[in-house]
PDB file of all heavy atoms in Angstrom:
ATOM      1  N   MET A   1       0.843  -1.192   0.014  1.00  0.00           N
ATOM      2  CA  MET A   1      -0.023  -0.007  -0.035  1.00  0.00           C
ATOM      3  C   MET A   1       0.899   1.229  -0.012  1.00  0.00           C
ATOM      4  O   MET A   1       1.765   1.390   0.820  1.00  0.00           O
ATOM      5  CB  MET A   1      -0.875  -0.032   1.255  1.00  0.00           C
ATOM      6  CG  MET A   1      -1.850   1.072   1.342  1.00  0.00           C
ATOM      7  SD  MET A   1      -2.932   0.695   2.758  1.00  0.00           S
ATOM      8  CE  MET A   1      -4.251   1.802   2.385  1.00  0.00           C
ATOM      9  N   GLN A   2       0.598   2.121  -0.896  1.00  0.00           N
ATOM     10  CA  GLN A   2       1.398   3.331  -1.083  1.00  0.00           C
ATOM     11  C   GLN A   2       0.647   4.548  -0.562  1.00  0.00           C
ATOM     12  O   GLN A   2      -0.543   4.642  -0.701  1.00  0.00           O
ATOM     13  CB  GLN A   2       1.743   3.546  -2.554  1.00  0.00           C
ATOM     14  CG  GLN A   2       2.494   2.391  -3.169  1.00  0.00           C
ATOM     15  CD  GLN A   2       3.823   2.794  -3.651  1.00  0.00           C
ATOM     16  OE1 GLN A   2       4.086   3.970  -3.775  1.00  0.00           O
ATOM     17  NE2 GLN A   2       4.655   1.849  -3.887  1.00  0.00           N
ATOM     18  N   PHE A   3       1.356   5.462   0.128  1.00  0.00           N
ATOM     19  CA  PHE A   3       0.782   6.717   0.627  1.00  0.00           C
ATOM     20  C   PHE A   3       1.353   7.860  -0.172  1.00  0.00           C
ATOM     21  O   PHE A   3       2.588   7.962  -0.354  1.00  0.00           O
ATOM     22  CB  PHE A   3       1.073   6.871   2.103  1.00  0.00           C
ATOM     23  CG  PHE A   3       0.482   5.817   2.948  1.00  0.00           C
ATOM     24  CD1 PHE A   3       1.227   4.821   3.566  1.00  0.00           C
ATOM     25  CD2 PHE A   3      -0.897   5.790   3.166  1.00  0.00           C
ATOM     26  CE1 PHE A   3       0.661   3.883   4.356  1.00  0.00           C
ATOM     27  CE2 PHE A   3      -1.497   4.853   4.006  1.00  0.00           C
ATOM     28  CZ  PHE A   3      -0.715   3.893   4.591  1.00  0.00           C
ATOM     29  N   ASP A   4       0.469   8.782  -0.530  1.00  0.00           N
ATOM     30  CA  ASP A   4       0.999   9.998  -1.208  1.00  0.00           C
ATOM     31  C   ASP A   4       1.323  11.039  -0.125  1.00  0.00           C
ATOM     32  O   ASP A   4       1.049  10.850   1.064  1.00  0.00           O
ATOM     33  CB  ASP A   4      -0.034  10.495  -2.240  1.00  0.00           C
ATOM     34  CG  ASP A   4      -1.353  10.863  -1.580  1.00  0.00           C
ATOM     35  OD1 ASP A   4      -1.599  10.526  -0.428  1.00  0.00           O
ATOM     36  OD2 ASP A   4      -2.199  11.471  -2.321  1.00  0.00           O
ATOM     37  N   SER A   5       1.936  12.144  -0.548  1.00  0.00           N
ATOM     38  CA  SER A   5       2.393  13.140   0.395  1.00  0.00           C
ATOM     39  C   SER A   5       1.224  13.814   1.153  1.00  0.00           C
ATOM     40  O   SER A   5       1.345  14.201   2.311  1.00  0.00           O
ATOM     41  CB  SER A   5       3.234  14.175  -0.305  1.00  0.00           C
ATOM     42  OG  SER A   5       2.465  14.852  -1.253  1.00  0.00           O
ATOM     43  N   THR A   6       0.065  13.928   0.528  1.00  0.00           N
ATOM     44  CA  THR A   6      -1.116  14.515   1.153  1.00  0.00           C
ATOM     45  C   THR A   6      -1.597  13.667   2.356  1.00  0.00           C
ATOM     46  O   THR A   6      -1.871  14.205   3.402  1.00  0.00           O
ATOM     47  CB  THR A   6      -2.259  14.685   0.154  1.00  0.00           C
ATOM     48  OG1 THR A   6      -1.794  15.455  -0.988  1.00  0.00           O
ATOM     49  CG2 THR A   6      -3.433  15.381   0.789  1.00  0.00           C
ATOM     50  N   THR A   7      -1.628  12.382   2.160  1.00  0.00           N
ATOM     51  CA  THR A   7      -2.006  11.472   3.224  1.00  0.00           C
ATOM     52  C   THR A   7      -1.030  11.546   4.385  1.00  0.00           C
ATOM     53  O   THR A   7      -1.436  11.579   5.567  1.00  0.00           O
ATOM     54  CB  THR A   7      -2.120  10.067   2.697  1.00  0.00           C
ATOM     55  OG1 THR A   7      -2.991  10.012   1.572  1.00  0.00           O
ATOM     56  CG2 THR A   7      -2.618   9.107   3.765  1.00  0.00           C
ATOM     57  N   ILE A   8       0.251  11.549   4.084  1.00  0.00           N
ATOM     58  CA  ILE A   8       1.285  11.604   5.159  1.00  0.00           C
ATOM     59  C   ILE A   8       1.180  12.914   5.869  1.00  0.00           C
ATOM     60  O   ILE A   8       1.305  12.969   7.067  1.00  0.00           O
ATOM     61  CB  ILE A   8       2.688  11.364   4.522  1.00  0.00           C
ATOM     62  CG1 ILE A   8       2.756   9.938   4.031  1.00  0.00           C
ATOM     63  CG2 ILE A   8       3.750  11.645   5.561  1.00  0.00           C
ATOM     64  CD1 ILE A   8       4.019   9.642   3.265  1.00  0.00           C
ATOM     65  N   ASN A   9       0.966  14.044   5.142  1.00  0.00           N
ATOM     66  CA  ASN A   9       0.823  15.359   5.794  1.00  0.00           C
ATOM     67  C   ASN A   9      -0.377  15.404   6.679  1.00  0.00           C
ATOM     68  O   ASN A   9      -0.312  15.976   7.804  1.00  0.00           O
ATOM     69  CB  ASN A   9       0.733  16.469   4.732  1.00  0.00           C
ATOM     70  CG  ASN A   9       2.077  16.677   4.001  1.00  0.00           C
ATOM     71  OD1 ASN A   9       3.131  16.300   4.560  1.00  0.00           O
ATOM     72  ND2 ASN A   9       2.000  17.300   2.853  1.00  0.00           N
ATOM     73  N   MET A  10      -1.501  14.794   6.304  1.00  0.00           N
ATOM     74  CA  MET A  10      -2.700  14.775   7.070  1.00  0.00           C
ATOM     75  C   MET A  10      -2.483  13.924   8.365  1.00  0.00           C
ATOM     76  O   MET A  10      -2.931  14.295   9.463  1.00  0.00           O
ATOM     77  CB  MET A  10      -3.890  14.211   6.296  1.00  0.00           C
ATOM     78  CG  MET A  10      -4.455  15.167   5.294  1.00  0.00           C
ATOM     79  SD  MET A  10      -5.712  14.483   4.224  1.00  0.00           S
ATOM     80  CE  MET A  10      -6.871  13.871   5.398  1.00  0.00           C
ATOM     81  N   LEU A  11      -1.747  12.851   8.192  1.00  0.00           N
ATOM     82  CA  LEU A  11      -1.441  11.985   9.343  1.00  0.00           C
ATOM     83  C   LEU A  11      -0.558  12.688  10.341  1.00  0.00           C
ATOM     84  O   LEU A  11      -0.822  12.656  11.571  1.00  0.00           O
ATOM     85  CB  LEU A  11      -0.730  10.658   8.866  1.00  0.00           C
ATOM     86  CG  LEU A  11      -0.401   9.671   9.915  1.00  0.00           C
ATOM     87  CD1 LEU A  11      -1.680   9.122  10.617  1.00  0.00           C
ATOM     88  CD2 LEU A  11       0.388   8.517   9.334  1.00  0.00           C
ATOM     89  N   VAL A  12       0.456  13.386   9.869  1.00  0.00           N
ATOM     90  CA  VAL A  12       1.354  14.102  10.740  1.00  0.00           C
ATOM     91  C   VAL A  12       0.612  15.224  11.479  1.00  0.00           C
ATOM     92  O   VAL A  12       0.779  15.468  12.658  1.00  0.00           O
ATOM     93  CB  VAL A  12       2.559  14.689   9.963  1.00  0.00           C
ATOM     94  CG1 VAL A  12       3.357  15.649  10.781  1.00  0.00           C
ATOM     95  CG2 VAL A  12       3.446  13.530   9.504  1.00  0.00           C
ATOM     96  N   LYS A  13      -0.244  15.909  10.738  1.00  0.00           N
ATOM     97  CA  LYS A  13      -1.057  17.018  11.312  1.00  0.00           C
ATOM     98  C   LYS A  13      -1.983  16.430  12.397  1.00  0.00           C
ATOM     99  O   LYS A  13      -2.139  17.045  13.466  1.00  0.00           O
ATOM    100  CB  LYS A  13      -1.858  17.749  10.259  1.00  0.00           C
ATOM    101  CG  LYS A  13      -2.701  18.874  10.778  1.00  0.00           C
ATOM    102  CD  LYS A  13      -3.526  19.553   9.695  1.00  0.00           C
ATOM    103  CE  LYS A  13      -4.365  20.628  10.299  1.00  0.00           C
ATOM    104  NZ  LYS A  13      -5.514  20.985   9.521  1.00  0.00           N
ATOM    105  N   GLY A  14      -2.618  15.344  12.123  1.00  0.00           N
ATOM    106  CA  GLY A  14      -3.522  14.712  13.096  1.00  0.00           C
ATOM    107  C   GLY A  14      -2.780  14.259  14.360  1.00  0.00           C
ATOM    108  O   GLY A  14      -3.295  14.432  15.481  1.00  0.00           O
ATOM    109  N   ILE A  15      -1.612  13.724  14.191  1.00  0.00           N
ATOM    110  CA  ILE A  15      -0.808  13.310  15.336  1.00  0.00           C
ATOM    111  C   ILE A  15      -0.405  14.514  16.188  1.00  0.00           C
ATOM    112  O   ILE A  15      -0.485  14.497  17.406  1.00  0.00           O
ATOM    113  CB  ILE A  15       0.428  12.508  14.905  1.00  0.00           C
ATOM    114  CG1 ILE A  15      -0.009  11.120  14.318  1.00  0.00           C
ATOM    115  CG2 ILE A  15       1.423  12.319  16.026  1.00  0.00           C
ATOM    116  CD1 ILE A  15       1.109  10.353  13.680  1.00  0.00           C
ATOM    117  N   TRP A  16       0.028  15.565  15.526  1.00  0.00           N
ATOM    118  CA  TRP A  16       0.400  16.803  16.207  1.00  0.00           C
ATOM    119  C   TRP A  16      -0.786  17.382  16.985  1.00  0.00           C
ATOM    120  O   TRP A  16      -0.668  17.798  18.160  1.00  0.00           O
ATOM    121  CB  TRP A  16       0.980  17.815  15.266  1.00  0.00           C
ATOM    122  CG  TRP A  16       1.020  19.198  15.893  1.00  0.00           C
ATOM    123  CD1 TRP A  16       0.341  20.312  15.559  1.00  0.00           C
ATOM    124  CD2 TRP A  16       1.844  19.587  17.033  1.00  0.00           C
ATOM    125  NE1 TRP A  16       0.636  21.325  16.382  1.00  0.00           N
ATOM    126  CE2 TRP A  16       1.532  20.910  17.296  1.00  0.00           C
ATOM    127  CE3 TRP A  16       2.759  18.902  17.822  1.00  0.00           C
ATOM    128  CZ2 TRP A  16       2.196  21.621  18.353  1.00  0.00           C
ATOM    129  CZ3 TRP A  16       3.366  19.602  18.869  1.00  0.00           C
ATOM    130  CH2 TRP A  16       3.074  20.945  19.135  1.00  0.00           C
ATOM    131  N   GLU A  17      -1.965  17.426  16.368  1.00  0.00           N
ATOM    132  CA  GLU A  17      -3.148  17.970  17.030  1.00  0.00           C
ATOM    133  C   GLU A  17      -3.514  17.130  18.260  1.00  0.00           C
ATOM    134  O   GLU A  17      -3.904  17.681  19.274  1.00  0.00           O
ATOM    135  CB  GLU A  17      -4.325  18.032  16.064  1.00  0.00           C
ATOM    136  CG  GLU A  17      -4.190  19.108  15.043  1.00  0.00           C
ATOM    137  CD  GLU A  17      -5.281  19.104  13.995  1.00  0.00           C
ATOM    138  OE1 GLU A  17      -6.089  18.118  13.911  1.00  0.00           O
ATOM    139  OE2 GLU A  17      -5.357  20.080  13.216  1.00  0.00           O
ATOM    140  N   THR A  18      -3.388  15.813  18.158  1.00  0.00           N
ATOM    141  CA  THR A  18      -3.658  14.940  19.278  1.00  0.00           C
ATOM    142  C   THR A  18      -2.710  15.209  20.445  1.00  0.00           C
ATOM    143  O   THR A  18      -3.142  15.304  21.590  1.00  0.00           O
ATOM    144  CB  THR A  18      -3.632  13.479  18.824  1.00  0.00           C
ATOM    145  OG1 THR A  18      -4.542  13.260  17.806  1.00  0.00           O
ATOM    146  CG2 THR A  18      -3.946  12.542  19.977  1.00  0.00           C
ATOM    147  N   ILE A  19      -1.409  15.262  20.125  1.00  0.00           N
ATOM    148  CA  ILE A  19      -0.392  15.544  21.162  1.00  0.00           C
ATOM    149  C   ILE A  19      -0.686  16.874  21.805  1.00  0.00           C
ATOM    150  O   ILE A  19      -0.609  17.024  23.046  1.00  0.00           O
ATOM    151  CB  ILE A  19       0.999  15.456  20.559  1.00  0.00           C
ATOM    152  CG1 ILE A  19       1.313  14.015  20.154  1.00  0.00           C
ATOM    153  CG2 ILE A  19       2.028  15.987  21.529  1.00  0.00           C
ATOM    154  CD1 ILE A  19       2.603  13.877  19.357  1.00  0.00           C
ATOM    155  N   TYR A  20      -0.991  17.906  21.019  1.00  0.00           N
ATOM    156  CA  TYR A  20      -1.298  19.263  21.502  1.00  0.00           C
ATOM    157  C   TYR A  20      -2.487  19.212  22.444  1.00  0.00           C
ATOM    158  O   TYR A  20      -2.391  19.764  23.570  1.00  0.00           O
ATOM    159  CB  TYR A  20      -1.565  20.141  20.271  1.00  0.00           C
ATOM    160  CG  TYR A  20      -2.155  21.506  20.584  1.00  0.00           C
ATOM    161  CD1 TYR A  20      -1.447  22.523  21.227  1.00  0.00           C
ATOM    162  CD2 TYR A  20      -3.454  21.812  20.195  1.00  0.00           C
ATOM    163  CE1 TYR A  20      -1.915  23.799  21.494  1.00  0.00           C
ATOM    164  CE2 TYR A  20      -4.007  23.055  20.442  1.00  0.00           C
ATOM    165  CZ  TYR A  20      -3.259  23.998  21.091  1.00  0.00           C
ATOM    166  OH  TYR A  20      -3.828  25.238  21.334  1.00  0.00           O
ATOM    167  N   MET A  21      -3.544  18.560  22.083  1.00  0.00           N
ATOM    168  CA  MET A  21      -4.757  18.541  22.920  1.00  0.00           C
ATOM    169  C   MET A  21      -4.492  17.759  24.219  1.00  0.00           C
ATOM    170  O   MET A  21      -4.864  18.181  25.318  1.00  0.00           O
ATOM    171  CB  MET A  21      -5.904  17.868  22.186  1.00  0.00           C
ATOM    172  CG  MET A  21      -6.556  18.725  21.155  1.00  0.00           C
ATOM    173  SD  MET A  21      -8.080  18.040  20.457  1.00  0.00           S
ATOM    174  CE  MET A  21      -7.544  16.460  19.853  1.00  0.00           C
ATOM    175  N   VAL A  22      -3.812  16.621  24.145  1.00  0.00           N
ATOM    176  CA  VAL A  22      -3.573  15.771  25.327  1.00  0.00           C
ATOM    177  C   VAL A  22      -2.680  16.530  26.309  1.00  0.00           C
ATOM    178  O   VAL A  22      -3.013  16.595  27.490  1.00  0.00           O
ATOM    179  CB  VAL A  22      -2.960  14.447  24.879  1.00  0.00           C
ATOM    180  CG1 VAL A  22      -2.479  13.700  26.126  1.00  0.00           C
ATOM    181  CG2 VAL A  22      -3.994  13.595  24.187  1.00  0.00           C
ATOM    182  N   PHE A  23      -1.561  17.043  25.826  1.00  0.00           N
ATOM    183  CA  PHE A  23      -0.632  17.699  26.756  1.00  0.00           C
ATOM    184  C   PHE A  23      -1.123  18.978  27.387  1.00  0.00           C
ATOM    185  O   PHE A  23      -1.003  19.214  28.590  1.00  0.00           O
ATOM    186  CB  PHE A  23       0.758  17.908  26.080  1.00  0.00           C
ATOM    187  CG  PHE A  23       1.573  16.678  26.045  1.00  0.00           C
ATOM    188  CD1 PHE A  23       1.794  16.052  24.860  1.00  0.00           C
ATOM    189  CD2 PHE A  23       2.088  16.053  27.179  1.00  0.00           C
ATOM    190  CE1 PHE A  23       2.551  14.899  24.755  1.00  0.00           C
ATOM    191  CE2 PHE A  23       2.821  14.911  27.118  1.00  0.00           C
ATOM    192  CZ  PHE A  23       3.083  14.339  25.944  1.00  0.00           C
ATOM    193  N   LEU A  24      -1.773  19.820  26.566  1.00  0.00           N
ATOM    194  CA  LEU A  24      -2.303  21.103  27.065  1.00  0.00           C
ATOM    195  C   LEU A  24      -3.459  20.824  28.043  1.00  0.00           C
ATOM    196  O   LEU A  24      -3.510  21.448  29.130  1.00  0.00           O
ATOM    197  CB  LEU A  24      -2.677  22.026  25.930  1.00  0.00           C
ATOM    198  CG  LEU A  24      -2.973  23.448  26.357  1.00  0.00           C
ATOM    199  CD1 LEU A  24      -1.761  24.057  27.047  1.00  0.00           C
ATOM    200  CD2 LEU A  24      -3.323  24.278  25.144  1.00  0.00           C
ATOM    201  N   SER A  25      -4.381  19.938  27.659  1.00  0.00           N
ATOM    202  CA  SER A  25      -5.512  19.698  28.553  1.00  0.00           C
ATOM    203  C   SER A  25      -5.106  19.018  29.803  1.00  0.00           C
ATOM    204  O   SER A  25      -5.614  19.280  30.939  1.00  0.00           O
ATOM    205  CB  SER A  25      -6.594  18.879  27.814  1.00  0.00           C
ATOM    206  OG  SER A  25      -6.107  17.613  27.465  1.00  0.00           O
ATOM    207  N   SER A  26      -4.084  18.122  29.736  1.00  0.00           N
ATOM    208  CA  SER A  26      -3.578  17.487  30.949  1.00  0.00           C
ATOM    209  C   SER A  26      -2.893  18.511  31.853  1.00  0.00           C
ATOM    210  O   SER A  26      -3.130  18.523  33.114  1.00  0.00           O
ATOM    211  CB  SER A  26      -2.510  16.436  30.629  1.00  0.00           C
ATOM    212  OG  SER A  26      -3.128  15.395  29.892  1.00  0.00           O
ATOM    213  N   ALA A  27      -2.084  19.407  31.323  1.00  0.00           N
ATOM    214  CA  ALA A  27      -1.388  20.418  32.151  1.00  0.00           C
ATOM    215  C   ALA A  27      -2.431  21.308  32.806  1.00  0.00           C
ATOM    216  O   ALA A  27      -2.316  21.618  34.011  1.00  0.00           O
ATOM    217  CB  ALA A  27      -0.466  21.232  31.256  1.00  0.00           C
ATOM    218  N   LEU A  28      -3.429  21.797  32.091  1.00  0.00           N
ATOM    219  CA  LEU A  28      -4.444  22.641  32.675  1.00  0.00           C
ATOM    220  C   LEU A  28      -5.323  21.928  33.677  1.00  0.00           C
ATOM    221  O   LEU A  28      -5.707  22.509  34.723  1.00  0.00           O
ATOM    222  CB  LEU A  28      -5.334  23.269  31.561  1.00  0.00           C
ATOM    223  CG  LEU A  28      -4.626  24.251  30.637  1.00  0.00           C
ATOM    224  CD1 LEU A  28      -5.526  24.654  29.493  1.00  0.00           C
ATOM    225  CD2 LEU A  28      -4.154  25.494  31.400  1.00  0.00           C
ATOM    226  N   SER A  29      -5.560  20.654  33.464  1.00  0.00           N
ATOM    227  CA  SER A  29      -6.302  19.856  34.437  1.00  0.00           C
ATOM    228  C   SER A  29      -5.491  19.741  35.757  1.00  0.00           C
ATOM    229  O   SER A  29      -6.129  19.803  36.802  1.00  0.00           O
ATOM    230  CB  SER A  29      -6.610  18.485  33.880  1.00  0.00           C
ATOM    231  OG  SER A  29      -7.470  18.609  32.752  1.00  0.00           O
ATOM    232  N   TYR A  30      -4.218  19.545  35.654  1.00  0.00           N
ATOM    233  CA  TYR A  30      -3.428  19.457  36.885  1.00  0.00           C
ATOM    234  C   TYR A  30      -3.356  20.790  37.565  1.00  0.00           C
ATOM    235  O   TYR A  30      -3.397  20.862  38.787  1.00  0.00           O
ATOM    236  CB  TYR A  30      -2.009  18.975  36.541  1.00  0.00           C
ATOM    237  CG  TYR A  30      -1.951  17.465  36.322  1.00  0.00           C
ATOM    238  CD1 TYR A  30      -1.549  17.000  35.062  1.00  0.00           C
ATOM    239  CD2 TYR A  30      -2.274  16.609  37.324  1.00  0.00           C
ATOM    240  CE1 TYR A  30      -1.513  15.617  34.859  1.00  0.00           C
ATOM    241  CE2 TYR A  30      -2.243  15.247  37.098  1.00  0.00           C
ATOM    242  CZ  TYR A  30      -1.846  14.760  35.866  1.00  0.00           C
ATOM    243  OH  TYR A  30      -1.847  13.388  35.653  1.00  0.00           O
ATOM    244  N   VAL A  31      -3.257  21.886  36.817  1.00  0.00           N
ATOM    245  CA  VAL A  31      -3.206  23.230  37.407  1.00  0.00           C
ATOM    246  C   VAL A  31      -4.487  23.516  38.173  1.00  0.00           C
ATOM    247  O   VAL A  31      -4.448  24.176  39.234  1.00  0.00           O
ATOM    248  CB  VAL A  31      -2.954  24.329  36.324  1.00  0.00           C
ATOM    249  CG1 VAL A  31      -3.270  25.706  36.828  1.00  0.00           C
ATOM    250  CG2 VAL A  31      -1.552  24.222  35.772  1.00  0.00           C
ATOM    251  N   ILE A  32      -5.631  23.050  37.712  1.00  0.00           N
ATOM    252  CA  ILE A  32      -6.897  23.299  38.393  1.00  0.00           C
ATOM    253  C   ILE A  32      -7.143  22.176  39.451  1.00  0.00           C
ATOM    254  O   ILE A  32      -7.590  22.488  40.564  1.00  0.00           O
ATOM    255  CB  ILE A  32      -8.043  23.335  37.370  1.00  0.00           C
ATOM    256  CG1 ILE A  32      -7.906  24.539  36.458  1.00  0.00           C
ATOM    257  CG2 ILE A  32      -9.412  23.388  38.104  1.00  0.00           C
ATOM    258  CD1 ILE A  32      -8.824  24.518  35.275  1.00  0.00           C
ATOM    259  N   GLY A  33      -6.849  20.939  39.119  1.00  0.00           N
ATOM    260  CA  GLY A  33      -7.189  19.841  39.978  1.00  0.00           C
ATOM    261  C   GLY A  33      -6.353  19.698  41.244  1.00  0.00           C
ATOM    262  O   GLY A  33      -6.883  19.344  42.299  1.00  0.00           O
ATOM    263  N   ILE A  34      -5.082  19.982  41.143  1.00  0.00           N
ATOM    264  CA  ILE A  34      -4.216  19.836  42.309  1.00  0.00           C
ATOM    265  C   ILE A  34      -4.611  20.796  43.451  1.00  0.00           C
ATOM    266  O   ILE A  34      -4.785  20.327  44.576  1.00  0.00           O
ATOM    267  CB  ILE A  34      -2.711  20.003  41.944  1.00  0.00           C
ATOM    268  CG1 ILE A  34      -2.291  18.752  41.138  1.00  0.00           C
ATOM    269  CG2 ILE A  34      -1.804  20.178  43.178  1.00  0.00           C
ATOM    270  CD1 ILE A  34      -0.860  18.832  40.571  1.00  0.00           C
ATOM    271  N   PRO A  35      -4.802  22.118  43.207  1.00  0.00           N
ATOM    272  CA  PRO A  35      -5.253  22.962  44.294  1.00  0.00           C
ATOM    273  C   PRO A  35      -6.647  22.556  44.851  1.00  0.00           C
ATOM    274  O   PRO A  35      -6.852  22.685  46.055  1.00  0.00           O
ATOM    275  CB  PRO A  35      -5.356  24.366  43.667  1.00  0.00           C
ATOM    276  CG  PRO A  35      -4.450  24.298  42.484  1.00  0.00           C
ATOM    277  CD  PRO A  35      -4.492  22.861  42.006  1.00  0.00           C
ATOM    278  N   LEU A  36      -7.507  22.095  43.947  1.00  0.00           N
ATOM    279  CA  LEU A  36      -8.837  21.675  44.524  1.00  0.00           C
ATOM    280  C   LEU A  36      -8.736  20.426  45.357  1.00  0.00           C
ATOM    281  O   LEU A  36      -9.384  20.326  46.405  1.00  0.00           O
ATOM    282  CB  LEU A  36      -9.804  21.389  43.319  1.00  0.00           C
ATOM    283  CG  LEU A  36     -10.277  22.663  42.585  1.00  0.00           C
ATOM    284  CD1 LEU A  36     -11.171  22.223  41.412  1.00  0.00           C
ATOM    285  CD2 LEU A  36     -11.017  23.550  43.461  1.00  0.00           C
ATOM    286  N   GLY A  37      -7.901  19.515  44.988  1.00  0.00           N
ATOM    287  CA  GLY A  37      -7.668  18.324  45.827  1.00  0.00           C
ATOM    288  C   GLY A  37      -7.016  18.674  47.135  1.00  0.00           C
ATOM    289  O   GLY A  37      -7.431  18.099  48.177  1.00  0.00           O
ATOM    290  N   ILE A  38      -6.076  19.579  47.117  1.00  0.00           N
ATOM    291  CA  ILE A  38      -5.450  20.035  48.382  1.00  0.00           C
ATOM    292  C   ILE A  38      -6.527  20.732  49.261  1.00  0.00           C
ATOM    293  O   ILE A  38      -6.562  20.531  50.499  1.00  0.00           O
ATOM    294  CB  ILE A  38      -4.243  20.958  48.100  1.00  0.00           C
ATOM    295  CG1 ILE A  38      -3.143  20.099  47.435  1.00  0.00           C
ATOM    296  CG2 ILE A  38      -3.780  21.632  49.385  1.00  0.00           C
ATOM    297  CD1 ILE A  38      -1.982  20.924  46.925  1.00  0.00           C
ATOM    298  N   ALA A  39      -7.356  21.537  48.636  1.00  0.00           N
ATOM    299  CA  ALA A  39      -8.439  22.231  49.375  1.00  0.00           C
ATOM    300  C   ALA A  39      -9.385  21.223  49.988  1.00  0.00           C
ATOM    301  O   ALA A  39      -9.859  21.425  51.133  1.00  0.00           O
ATOM    302  CB  ALA A  39      -9.176  23.185  48.435  1.00  0.00           C
TER     303      ALA A  39
END
């Protein structure tokens, strides 16, 4: 199975968006959740 450059670019973009969402939402969740748990 062969992939063209458009498919590879879409895959790389999707992976980057997933990493961006996971890390940023995790960091913000910890920033909010840790003080609430301590409280």
